Amino acid sequence: MAKLTFNSVDLSTYNLIITYSNIHALFQKVDHTQLEDLSYGESAKKEPRYIKFEFAVTGTGMANLRDNLDSVKKVIVTKTTRTLALDTLAGRYFNAQYISMKGEYKSAQLFVGDMEFKCVDPLAYSTSEISHNHTLDVEDPKTITETTGGTGYIKPVYTLTAGEALNDVTIKVECIEAGEELQWTGSLANGEELEINVATWLVRKEGVASMATVTGQFPRLLPGTDNRIKVTGFGTAGALNIKYKNTYL
């Protein structure tokens, strides 16, 4: 038996318990190019995760049971993605959207059925956010190490804070292990911030989008390893904050 929480609402409040879950199911799409006598595999792509639950809802009588079902539906039927978590998978959550629910009354006190959710992003996320500050006060370029956990690629937010005036420079941020580097050209006054959001593919200067000079790839972090982050063109002062949540397959 398990408890389901959706959009931060514990559905056991309405006497719902999960009796079965396929929450660990994960699929990849593997395409290939067929030649006459052999084929060549292409890079695999993770497909959306479909999470299916079998559940039971109880009530003191038919009226109370219907009220509980109505309350459950009010929580889970949303038009946009919400967080989904099981108490048996503590410390993790999925970004999920309701698809379907069906079932039948077994008595005036019991309804059993199944429901399904879709996670376009198939990864599970840690409920704990990591935020590490690194001082960049050595000669340019400089390399720092960020040690990650989890089992899935991580999309962090890098925030560079200038420690001096930087005029018409090209700043590069590279994750050496991932082989991905992003470049931005512009100027920063002392104390100004440049934010690189890998998840949204957006660079902001002082909170305002600044994408005109952006080239390269948004650098992800590899899971469960030491990631060397190389920063170029950032002078000999300043700081770097890296914020993220570990992810899980």
C-alpha atoms as a PDB file:
ATOM      1  CA  MET A   1       0.000   0.000   0.000  1.00  0.00           C
ATOM      2  CA  ALA A   2       1.222   3.526  -0.750  1.00  0.00           C
ATOM      3  CA  LYS A   3       0.118   7.112  -0.353  1.00  0.00           C
ATOM      4  CA  LEU A   4      -0.149   9.376  -3.400  1.00  0.00           C
ATOM      5  CA  THR A   5       0.488  13.109  -3.217  1.00  0.00           C
ATOM      6  CA  PHE A   6      -0.496  15.272  -6.193  1.00  0.00           C
ATOM      7  CA  ASN A   7       0.049  19.017  -6.422  1.00  0.00           C
ATOM      8  CA  SER A   8       1.209  18.891  -2.775  1.00  0.00           C
ATOM      9  CA  VAL A   9      -2.129  17.363  -1.639  1.00  0.00           C
ATOM     10  CA  ASP A  10      -1.949  14.029   0.185  1.00  0.00           C
ATOM     11  CA  LEU A  11      -4.842  12.050  -1.303  1.00  0.00           C
ATOM     12  CA  SER A  12      -4.978   9.742   1.691  1.00  0.00           C
ATOM     13  CA  THR A  13      -6.849  12.683   3.254  1.00  0.00           C
ATOM     14  CA  TYR A  14      -9.757  11.445   1.118  1.00  0.00           C
ATOM     15  CA  ASN A  15      -9.180   7.777   2.022  1.00  0.00           C
ATOM     16  CA  LEU A  16      -7.365   6.951  -1.215  1.00  0.00           C
ATOM     17  CA  ILE A  17      -4.630   4.321  -1.116  1.00  0.00           C
ATOM     18  CA  ILE A  18      -2.502   2.994  -3.965  1.00  0.00           C
ATOM     19  CA  THR A  19      -2.563  -0.794  -4.302  1.00  0.00           C
ATOM     20  CA  TYR A  20      -0.373  -1.046  -7.436  1.00  0.00           C
ATOM     21  CA  SER A  21       2.011   1.244  -9.332  1.00  0.00           C
ATOM     22  CA  ASN A  22       4.297   0.954 -12.364  1.00  0.00           C
ATOM     23  CA  ILE A  23       6.134   4.128 -11.378  1.00  0.00           C
ATOM     24  CA  HIS A  24       9.537   2.585 -12.185  1.00  0.00           C
ATOM     25  CA  ALA A  25       8.636   1.839 -15.820  1.00  0.00           C
ATOM     26  CA  LEU A  26      10.927   3.708 -18.242  1.00  0.00           C
ATOM     27  CA  PHE A  27      11.127   3.447 -22.029  1.00  0.00           C
ATOM     28  CA  GLN A  28      13.472   4.648 -24.753  1.00  0.00           C
ATOM     29  CA  LYS A  29      12.847   5.058 -28.464  1.00  0.00           C
ATOM     30  CA  VAL A  30      15.660   3.472 -30.465  1.00  0.00           C
ATOM     31  CA  ASP A  31      15.577   4.290 -34.188  1.00  0.00           C
ATOM     32  CA  HIS A  32      17.848   2.768 -36.790  1.00  0.00           C
ATOM     33  CA  THR A  33      18.812   3.156 -40.414  1.00  0.00           C
ATOM     34  CA  GLN A  34      18.389  -0.071 -42.372  1.00  0.00           C
ATOM     35  CA  LEU A  35      20.881  -1.008 -45.098  1.00  0.00           C
ATOM     36  CA  GLU A  36      20.829  -4.157 -47.210  1.00  0.00           C
ATOM     37  CA  ASP A  37      22.593  -6.484 -44.809  1.00  0.00           C
ATOM     38  CA  LEU A  38      22.847  -4.508 -41.569  1.00  0.00           C
ATOM     39  CA  SER A  39      21.494  -1.509 -39.760  1.00  0.00           C
ATOM     40  CA  TYR A  40      22.975   1.371 -37.784  1.00  0.00           C
ATOM     41  CA  GLY A  41      21.484   2.386 -34.472  1.00  0.00           C
ATOM     42  CA  GLU A  42      20.766   6.038 -33.742  1.00  0.00           C
ATOM     43  CA  SER A  43      20.969   7.850 -30.444  1.00  0.00           C
ATOM     44  CA  ALA A  44      18.223   6.655 -28.088  1.00  0.00           C
ATOM     45  CA  LYS A  45      15.563   9.131 -26.929  1.00  0.00           C
ATOM     46  CA  LYS A  46      13.726   8.820 -23.644  1.00  0.00           C
ATOM     47  CA  GLU A  47       9.981   8.620 -24.173  1.00  0.00           C
ATOM     48  CA  PRO A  48       7.380  10.169 -21.861  1.00  0.00           C
ATOM     49  CA  ARG A  49       6.719   8.174 -18.710  1.00  0.00           C
ATOM     50  CA  TYR A  50       3.163   6.869 -18.251  1.00  0.00           C
ATOM     51  CA  ILE A  51       2.458   6.217 -14.591  1.00  0.00           C
ATOM     52  CA  LYS A  52      -0.459   3.882 -13.843  1.00  0.00           C
ATOM     53  CA  PHE A  53      -1.996   3.317 -10.441  1.00  0.00           C
ATOM     54  CA  GLU A  54      -4.570   0.906  -9.108  1.00  0.00           C
ATOM     55  CA  PHE A  55      -6.317   2.434  -6.115  1.00  0.00           C
ATOM     56  CA  ALA A  56      -9.082   2.104  -3.576  1.00  0.00           C
ATOM     57  CA  VAL A  57     -11.186   4.826  -1.958  1.00  0.00           C
ATOM     58  CA  THR A  58     -13.273   4.146   1.134  1.00  0.00           C
ATOM     59  CA  GLY A  59     -16.058   6.005   2.874  1.00  0.00           C
ATOM     60  CA  THR A  60     -18.357   5.663   5.857  1.00  0.00           C
ATOM     61  CA  GLY A  61     -21.312   5.397   3.493  1.00  0.00           C
ATOM     62  CA  MET A  62     -22.298   6.124  -0.103  1.00  0.00           C
ATOM     63  CA  ALA A  63     -22.584   9.879   0.411  1.00  0.00           C
ATOM     64  CA  ASN A  64     -19.194  10.116   2.120  1.00  0.00           C
ATOM     65  CA  LEU A  65     -17.619   7.858  -0.499  1.00  0.00           C
ATOM     66  CA  ARG A  66     -18.911  10.078  -3.324  1.00  0.00           C
ATOM     67  CA  ASP A  67     -17.590  13.151  -1.522  1.00  0.00           C
ATOM     68  CA  ASN A  68     -14.164  11.546  -1.263  1.00  0.00           C
ATOM     69  CA  LEU A  69     -14.145  10.658  -4.964  1.00  0.00           C
ATOM     70  CA  ASP A  70     -15.228  14.177  -5.894  1.00  0.00           C
ATOM     71  CA  SER A  71     -12.404  15.600  -3.790  1.00  0.00           C
ATOM     72  CA  VAL A  72      -9.845  13.314  -5.430  1.00  0.00           C
ATOM     73  CA  LYS A  73     -11.010  14.338  -8.913  1.00  0.00           C
ATOM     74  CA  LYS A  74     -10.879  18.014  -7.986  1.00  0.00           C
ATOM     75  CA  VAL A  75      -7.212  17.619  -7.034  1.00  0.00           C
ATOM     76  CA  ILE A  76      -5.913  15.460  -9.895  1.00  0.00           C
ATOM     77  CA  VAL A  77      -7.836  16.798 -12.920  1.00  0.00           C
ATOM     78  CA  THR A  78      -5.681  19.748 -13.961  1.00  0.00           C
ATOM     79  CA  LYS A  79      -4.903  21.348 -17.310  1.00  0.00           C
ATOM     80  CA  THR A  80      -1.203  21.725 -16.621  1.00  0.00           C
ATOM     81  CA  THR A  81       1.636  19.694 -15.117  1.00  0.00           C
ATOM     82  CA  ARG A  82       1.759  19.264 -11.341  1.00  0.00           C
ATOM     83  CA  THR A  83       4.055  17.421  -8.938  1.00  0.00           C
ATOM     84  CA  LEU A  84       3.344  13.753  -8.217  1.00  0.00           C
ATOM     85  CA  ALA A  85       4.961  11.725  -5.435  1.00  0.00           C
ATOM     86  CA  LEU A  86       4.623   8.410  -3.613  1.00  0.00           C
ATOM     87  CA  ASP A  87       5.617   7.905   0.005  1.00  0.00           C
ATOM     88  CA  THR A  88       7.364   4.685  -1.063  1.00  0.00           C
ATOM     89  CA  LEU A  89       9.722   6.778  -3.236  1.00  0.00           C
ATOM     90  CA  ALA A  90      10.665   9.294  -0.570  1.00  0.00           C
ATOM     91  CA  GLY A  91      12.616  12.402  -1.535  1.00  0.00           C
ATOM     92  CA  ARG A  92      11.608  12.336  -5.207  1.00  0.00           C
ATOM     93  CA  TYR A  93       8.780  13.649  -7.353  1.00  0.00           C
ATOM     94  CA  PHE A  94       7.645  13.649 -10.976  1.00  0.00           C
ATOM     95  CA  ASN A  95       6.148  16.421 -13.083  1.00  0.00           C
ATOM     96  CA  ALA A  96       2.930  14.783 -14.226  1.00  0.00           C
ATOM     97  CA  GLN A  97      -0.404  15.508 -15.868  1.00  0.00           C
ATOM     98  CA  TYR A  98      -3.659  13.624 -15.377  1.00  0.00           C
ATOM     99  CA  ILE A  99      -4.906  11.447 -18.262  1.00  0.00           C
ATOM    100  CA  SER A 100      -7.662   9.157 -17.024  1.00  0.00           C
ATOM    101  CA  MET A 101      -9.465   7.561 -14.110  1.00  0.00           C
ATOM    102  CA  LYS A 102     -12.048   4.776 -14.065  1.00  0.00           C
ATOM    103  CA  GLY A 103     -13.419   2.176 -11.693  1.00  0.00           C
ATOM    104  CA  GLU A 104     -16.503   0.847  -9.971  1.00  0.00           C
ATOM    105  CA  TYR A 105     -18.264   0.707  -6.632  1.00  0.00           C
ATOM    106  CA  LYS A 106     -17.677  -2.555  -4.801  1.00  0.00           C
ATOM    107  CA  SER A 107     -19.999  -1.549  -1.974  1.00  0.00           C
ATOM    108  CA  ALA A 108     -21.440   1.576  -0.375  1.00  0.00           C
ATOM    109  CA  GLN A 109     -18.099   1.988   1.429  1.00  0.00           C
ATOM    110  CA  LEU A 110     -15.594   0.995  -1.299  1.00  0.00           C
ATOM    111  CA  PHE A 111     -14.646   2.182  -4.800  1.00  0.00           C
ATOM    112  CA  VAL A 112     -11.758   0.547  -6.696  1.00  0.00           C
ATOM    113  CA  GLY A 113     -10.253   1.688  -9.964  1.00  0.00           C
ATOM    114  CA  ASP A 114      -7.200   2.797 -11.851  1.00  0.00           C
ATOM    115  CA  MET A 115      -5.784   6.124 -12.950  1.00  0.00           C
ATOM    116  CA  GLU A 116      -3.027   7.220 -15.321  1.00  0.00           C
ATOM    117  CA  PHE A 117      -0.693  10.210 -15.527  1.00  0.00           C
ATOM    118  CA  LYS A 118       1.732  11.326 -18.241  1.00  0.00           C
ATOM    119  CA  CYS A 119       5.200  12.727 -17.559  1.00  0.00           C
ATOM    120  CA  VAL A 120       6.483  14.422 -20.713  1.00  0.00           C
ATOM    121  CA  ASP A 121       9.742  14.783 -18.795  1.00  0.00           C
ATOM    122  CA  PRO A 122      10.300  11.163 -17.683  1.00  0.00           C
ATOM    123  CA  LEU A 123      12.848  11.967 -14.965  1.00  0.00           C
ATOM    124  CA  ALA A 124      12.185  12.028 -11.243  1.00  0.00           C
ATOM    125  CA  TYR A 125      13.525  15.039  -9.336  1.00  0.00           C
ATOM    126  CA  SER A 126      14.959  15.311  -5.865  1.00  0.00           C
ATOM    127  CA  THR A 127      12.839  17.321  -3.454  1.00  0.00           C
ATOM    128  CA  SER A 128      16.066  18.936  -2.191  1.00  0.00           C
ATOM    129  CA  GLU A 129      17.616  21.777  -4.179  1.00  0.00           C
ATOM    130  CA  ILE A 130      21.403  22.119  -4.230  1.00  0.00           C
ATOM    131  CA  SER A 131      23.026  25.558  -4.413  1.00  0.00           C
ATOM    132  CA  HIS A 132      26.813  25.864  -4.384  1.00  0.00           C
ATOM    133  CA  ASN A 133      28.814  29.096  -4.484  1.00  0.00           C
ATOM    134  CA  HIS A 134      32.256  29.125  -6.085  1.00  0.00           C
ATOM    135  CA  THR A 135      34.747  31.999  -5.930  1.00  0.00           C
ATOM    136  CA  LEU A 136      36.341  32.774  -9.298  1.00  0.00           C
ATOM    137  CA  ASP A 137      39.384  34.772  -8.171  1.00  0.00           C
ATOM    138  CA  VAL A 138      42.136  32.983 -10.084  1.00  0.00           C
ATOM    139  CA  GLU A 139      43.653  33.578 -13.484  1.00  0.00           C
ATOM    140  CA  ASP A 140      41.398  33.259 -16.509  1.00  0.00           C
ATOM    141  CA  PRO A 141      40.324  30.648 -17.548  1.00  0.00           C
ATOM    142  CA  LYS A 142      39.406  28.935 -14.309  1.00  0.00           C
ATOM    143  CA  THR A 143      37.949  25.500 -13.557  1.00  0.00           C
ATOM    144  CA  ILE A 144      35.876  24.450 -10.572  1.00  0.00           C
ATOM    145  CA  THR A 145      34.407  21.041  -9.696  1.00  0.00           C
ATOM    146  CA  GLU A 146      30.739  20.317  -9.013  1.00  0.00           C
ATOM    147  CA  THR A 147      30.004  16.850  -7.612  1.00  0.00           C
ATOM    148  CA  THR A 148      26.523  15.582  -8.435  1.00  0.00           C
ATOM    149  CA  GLY A 149      24.306  12.654  -7.457  1.00  0.00           C
ATOM    150  CA  GLY A 150      21.381  10.949  -9.142  1.00  0.00           C
ATOM    151  CA  THR A 151      21.250   8.913 -12.350  1.00  0.00           C
ATOM    152  CA  GLY A 152      19.886  11.346 -14.970  1.00  0.00           C
ATOM    153  CA  TYR A 153      21.327  14.382 -16.758  1.00  0.00           C
ATOM    154  CA  ILE A 154      20.992  17.577 -14.701  1.00  0.00           C
ATOM    155  CA  LYS A 155      19.935  20.979 -16.060  1.00  0.00           C
ATOM    156  CA  PRO A 156      21.311  23.580 -13.646  1.00  0.00           C
ATOM    157  CA  VAL A 157      21.074  27.342 -13.357  1.00  0.00           C
ATOM    158  CA  TYR A 158      24.487  29.013 -13.512  1.00  0.00           C
ATOM    159  CA  THR A 159      24.667  32.541 -12.073  1.00  0.00           C
ATOM    160  CA  LEU A 160      27.851  34.502 -12.732  1.00  0.00           C
ATOM    161  CA  THR A 161      28.403  37.616 -10.615  1.00  0.00           C
ATOM    162  CA  ALA A 162      31.035  40.018 -11.959  1.00  0.00           C
ATOM    163  CA  GLY A 163      33.714  41.117  -9.498  1.00  0.00           C
ATOM    164  CA  GLU A 164      35.016  43.838 -11.816  1.00  0.00           C
ATOM    165  CA  ALA A 165      33.956  45.721 -14.936  1.00  0.00           C
ATOM    166  CA  LEU A 166      33.954  43.461 -17.991  1.00  0.00           C
ATOM    167  CA  ASN A 167      33.683  45.343 -21.264  1.00  0.00           C
ATOM    168  CA  ASP A 168      32.800  43.658 -24.549  1.00  0.00           C
ATOM    169  CA  VAL A 169      33.943  40.183 -23.501  1.00  0.00           C
ATOM    170  CA  THR A 170      32.987  36.686 -24.584  1.00  0.00           C
ATOM    171  CA  ILE A 171      32.189  34.603 -21.516  1.00  0.00           C
ATOM    172  CA  LYS A 172      32.279  30.846 -21.922  1.00  0.00           C
ATOM    173  CA  VAL A 173      30.851  28.262 -19.525  1.00  0.00           C
ATOM    174  CA  GLU A 174      31.728  24.651 -20.293  1.00  0.00           C
ATOM    175  CA  CYS A 175      31.019  21.338 -18.596  1.00  0.00           C
ATOM    176  CA  ILE A 176      34.063  19.366 -19.652  1.00  0.00           C
ATOM    177  CA  GLU A 177      32.536  15.977 -18.782  1.00  0.00           C
ATOM    178  CA  ALA A 178      29.370  16.672 -20.806  1.00  0.00           C
ATOM    179  CA  GLY A 179      31.326  18.231 -23.690  1.00  0.00           C
ATOM    180  CA  GLU A 180      28.926  21.200 -23.829  1.00  0.00           C
ATOM    181  CA  GLU A 181      29.886  24.877 -23.852  1.00  0.00           C
ATOM    182  CA  LEU A 182      27.855  28.090 -24.065  1.00  0.00           C
ATOM    183  CA  GLN A 183      29.216  31.485 -25.129  1.00  0.00           C
ATOM    184  CA  TRP A 184      27.775  34.945 -24.425  1.00  0.00           C
ATOM    185  CA  THR A 185      29.253  38.246 -25.615  1.00  0.00           C
ATOM    186  CA  GLY A 186      28.554  41.559 -23.900  1.00  0.00           C
ATOM    187  CA  SER A 187      29.525  43.774 -20.976  1.00  0.00           C
ATOM    188  CA  LEU A 188      28.952  43.470 -17.235  1.00  0.00           C
ATOM    189  CA  ALA A 189      29.478  46.128 -14.589  1.00  0.00           C
ATOM    190  CA  ASN A 190      30.969  45.178 -11.238  1.00  0.00           C
ATOM    191  CA  GLY A 191      28.295  43.280  -9.282  1.00  0.00           C
ATOM    192  CA  GLU A 192      26.023  42.562 -12.255  1.00  0.00           C
ATOM    193  CA  GLU A 193      24.716  39.030 -12.782  1.00  0.00           C
ATOM    194  CA  LEU A 194      24.537  36.802 -15.843  1.00  0.00           C
ATOM    195  CA  GLU A 195      22.147  33.856 -15.414  1.00  0.00           C
ATOM    196  CA  ILE A 196      22.282  30.765 -17.627  1.00  0.00           C
ATOM    197  CA  ASN A 197      19.200  28.571 -17.213  1.00  0.00           C
ATOM    198  CA  VAL A 198      19.874  25.240 -18.897  1.00  0.00           C
ATOM    199  CA  ALA A 199      16.340  23.875 -18.398  1.00  0.00           C
ATOM    200  CA  THR A 200      14.662  26.827 -20.155  1.00  0.00           C
ATOM    201  CA  TRP A 201      17.484  27.578 -22.643  1.00  0.00           C
ATOM    202  CA  LEU A 202      17.515  31.191 -21.522  1.00  0.00           C
ATOM    203  CA  VAL A 203      20.310  33.632 -20.641  1.00  0.00           C
ATOM    204  CA  ARG A 204      19.451  36.705 -18.579  1.00  0.00           C
ATOM    205  CA  LYS A 205      21.529  39.754 -17.723  1.00  0.00           C
ATOM    206  CA  GLU A 206      20.294  41.407 -14.543  1.00  0.00           C
ATOM    207  CA  GLY A 207      16.981  39.551 -14.919  1.00  0.00           C
ATOM    208  CA  VAL A 208      16.422  40.617 -18.543  1.00  0.00           C
ATOM    209  CA  ALA A 209      16.662  38.138 -21.429  1.00  0.00           C
ATOM    210  CA  SER A 210      19.969  38.533 -23.296  1.00  0.00           C
ATOM    211  CA  MET A 211      20.035  35.986 -26.113  1.00  0.00           C
ATOM    212  CA  ALA A 212      21.260  37.950 -29.153  1.00  0.00           C
ATOM    213  CA  THR A 213      24.919  36.938 -28.739  1.00  0.00           C
ATOM    214  CA  VAL A 214      24.435  33.442 -27.321  1.00  0.00           C
ATOM    215  CA  THR A 215      26.064  30.555 -29.194  1.00  0.00           C
ATOM    216  CA  GLY A 216      26.966  26.949 -28.413  1.00  0.00           C
ATOM    217  CA  GLN A 217      25.166  24.488 -26.152  1.00  0.00           C
ATOM    218  CA  PHE A 218      23.630  24.952 -22.732  1.00  0.00           C
ATOM    219  CA  PRO A 219      25.953  22.880 -20.510  1.00  0.00           C
ATOM    220  CA  ARG A 220      24.273  20.112 -18.532  1.00  0.00           C
ATOM    221  CA  LEU A 221      25.830  18.222 -15.630  1.00  0.00           C
ATOM    222  CA  LEU A 222      26.468  14.498 -15.675  1.00  0.00           C
ATOM    223  CA  PRO A 223      24.919  12.522 -12.796  1.00  0.00           C
ATOM    224  CA  GLY A 224      26.833  10.901  -9.977  1.00  0.00           C
ATOM    225  CA  THR A 225      30.272  12.249 -10.809  1.00  0.00           C
ATOM    226  CA  ASP A 226      32.710  15.160 -10.535  1.00  0.00           C
ATOM    227  CA  ASN A 227      31.842  17.723 -13.203  1.00  0.00           C
ATOM    228  CA  ARG A 228      34.603  20.158 -14.162  1.00  0.00           C
ATOM    229  CA  ILE A 229      33.106  23.550 -15.018  1.00  0.00           C
ATOM    230  CA  LYS A 230      35.465  25.755 -17.034  1.00  0.00           C
ATOM    231  CA  VAL A 231      34.763  29.510 -17.107  1.00  0.00           C
ATOM    232  CA  THR A 232      36.580  31.654 -19.678  1.00  0.00           C
ATOM    233  CA  GLY A 233      36.543  35.418 -20.248  1.00  0.00           C
ATOM    234  CA  PHE A 234      35.389  36.307 -16.736  1.00  0.00           C
ATOM    235  CA  GLY A 235      38.450  38.211 -15.562  1.00  0.00           C
ATOM    236  CA  THR A 236      40.194  37.416 -12.280  1.00  0.00           C
ATOM    237  CA  ALA A 237      37.377  38.165  -9.840  1.00  0.00           C
ATOM    238  CA  GLY A 238      33.706  37.362  -9.371  1.00  0.00           C
ATOM    239  CA  ALA A 239      31.700  34.316  -8.358  1.00  0.00           C
ATOM    240  CA  LEU A 240      29.679  31.446  -9.776  1.00  0.00           C
ATOM    241  CA  ASN A 241      26.580  29.905  -8.217  1.00  0.00           C
ATOM    242  CA  ILE A 242      25.330  26.542  -9.496  1.00  0.00           C
ATOM    243  CA  LYS A 243      21.780  25.583  -8.530  1.00  0.00           C
ATOM    244  CA  TYR A 244      20.051  22.322  -9.419  1.00  0.00           C
ATOM    245  CA  LYS A 245      18.168  19.238  -8.310  1.00  0.00           C
ATOM    246  CA  ASN A 246      19.548  15.754  -8.807  1.00  0.00           C
ATOM    247  CA  THR A 247      17.472  13.679 -11.220  1.00  0.00           C
ATOM    248  CA  TYR A 248      16.714   9.965 -11.420  1.00  0.00           C
ATOM    249  CA  LEU A 249      15.841   7.567 -14.230  1.00  0.00           C
END
